[in-house]
């Protein structure tokens, strides 16, 4: 069974956003940082739901998407 990631806490998300913006040399004005962190928290919540979706062990990868 795959290992499940623990959801990040708000303080961890804020630290991640601040560190990432520094690494990317991406200036975020201080008055907008709270909104950026809030948006990332929402993205993280959605991503957790996707990561926790159970997939069968015998699932085969499709070689090409065909709608």
Protein backbone atom coordinates (compact mmCIF):
# COMPACT_ATOMS: atom_id res chain seq x y z
CA UNK A 1 0.00 0.00 0.00
CA UNK A 2 1.40 3.45 -0.89
CA UNK A 3 2.55 5.73 1.88
CA UNK A 4 0.13 8.58 2.54
CA UNK A 5 1.41 12.09 2.91
CA UNK A 6 0.30 14.00 5.96
CA UNK A 7 -1.43 17.27 5.14
CA UNK A 8 0.75 20.29 5.78
CA UNK A 9 -0.15 22.65 8.59
CA UNK A 10 -0.78 26.34 7.79
CA UNK A 11 2.57 27.39 9.28
CA UNK A 12 4.35 24.81 7.10
CA UNK A 13 2.57 26.07 4.00
CA UNK A 14 3.50 29.67 4.75
CA UNK A 15 7.13 28.68 5.31
CA UNK A 16 7.12 26.70 2.04
CA UNK A 17 5.68 29.63 0.07
CA UNK A 18 8.19 32.09 1.56
CA UNK A 19 11.16 29.78 0.92
CA UNK A 20 10.04 28.99 -2.62
CA UNK A 21 9.58 32.63 -3.53
CA UNK A 22 13.12 33.29 -2.27
CA UNK A 23 14.57 30.38 -4.25
CA UNK A 24 12.81 31.53 -7.41
CA UNK A 25 13.69 35.17 -6.75
CA UNK A 26 10.00 35.92 -7.07
CA UNK A 27 9.14 39.08 -5.14
CA UNK A 28 5.71 38.98 -3.52
CA UNK A 29 4.63 42.26 -1.95
CA UNK A 30 4.04 41.83 1.80
CA UNK A 31 0.42 42.98 1.47
CA UNK A 32 -0.24 40.12 -0.98
CA UNK A 33 1.64 37.33 0.82
CA UNK A 34 -1.36 36.30 2.95
CA UNK A 35 -3.49 35.86 -0.21
CA UNK A 36 -0.76 33.81 -1.91
CA UNK A 37 -0.48 31.55 1.15
CA UNK A 38 -4.27 31.19 1.32
CA UNK A 39 -4.43 30.18 -2.35
CA UNK A 40 -1.64 27.67 -1.85
CA UNK A 41 -3.52 26.20 1.13
CA UNK A 42 -6.53 25.66 -1.14
CA UNK A 43 -4.38 24.05 -3.83
CA UNK A 44 -2.82 21.80 -1.18
CA UNK A 45 -6.26 20.70 0.07
CA UNK A 46 -7.36 19.78 -3.46
CA UNK A 47 -4.08 17.97 -4.16
CA UNK A 48 -4.48 15.90 -0.97
CA UNK A 49 -7.86 14.68 -2.20
CA UNK A 50 -6.33 13.62 -5.52
CA UNK A 51 -3.39 11.89 -3.83
CA UNK A 52 -5.70 10.00 -1.45
CA UNK A 53 -7.93 8.67 -4.23
CA UNK A 54 -7.53 4.89 -4.17
CA UNK A 55 -6.21 3.26 -7.32
CA UNK A 56 -6.15 -0.50 -7.92
CA UNK A 57 -2.73 -2.17 -7.76
CA UNK A 58 -3.15 -3.69 -11.22
CA UNK A 59 -3.92 -0.38 -12.94
CA UNK A 60 -2.11 0.01 -16.26
CA UNK A 61 -0.82 3.32 -17.51
CA UNK A 62 -2.41 4.46 -20.75
CA UNK A 63 0.20 5.01 -23.46
CA UNK A 64 -1.72 7.97 -24.86
CA UNK A 65 -4.85 9.89 -23.84
CA UNK A 66 -7.71 9.44 -26.28
CA UNK A 67 -10.87 11.38 -25.41
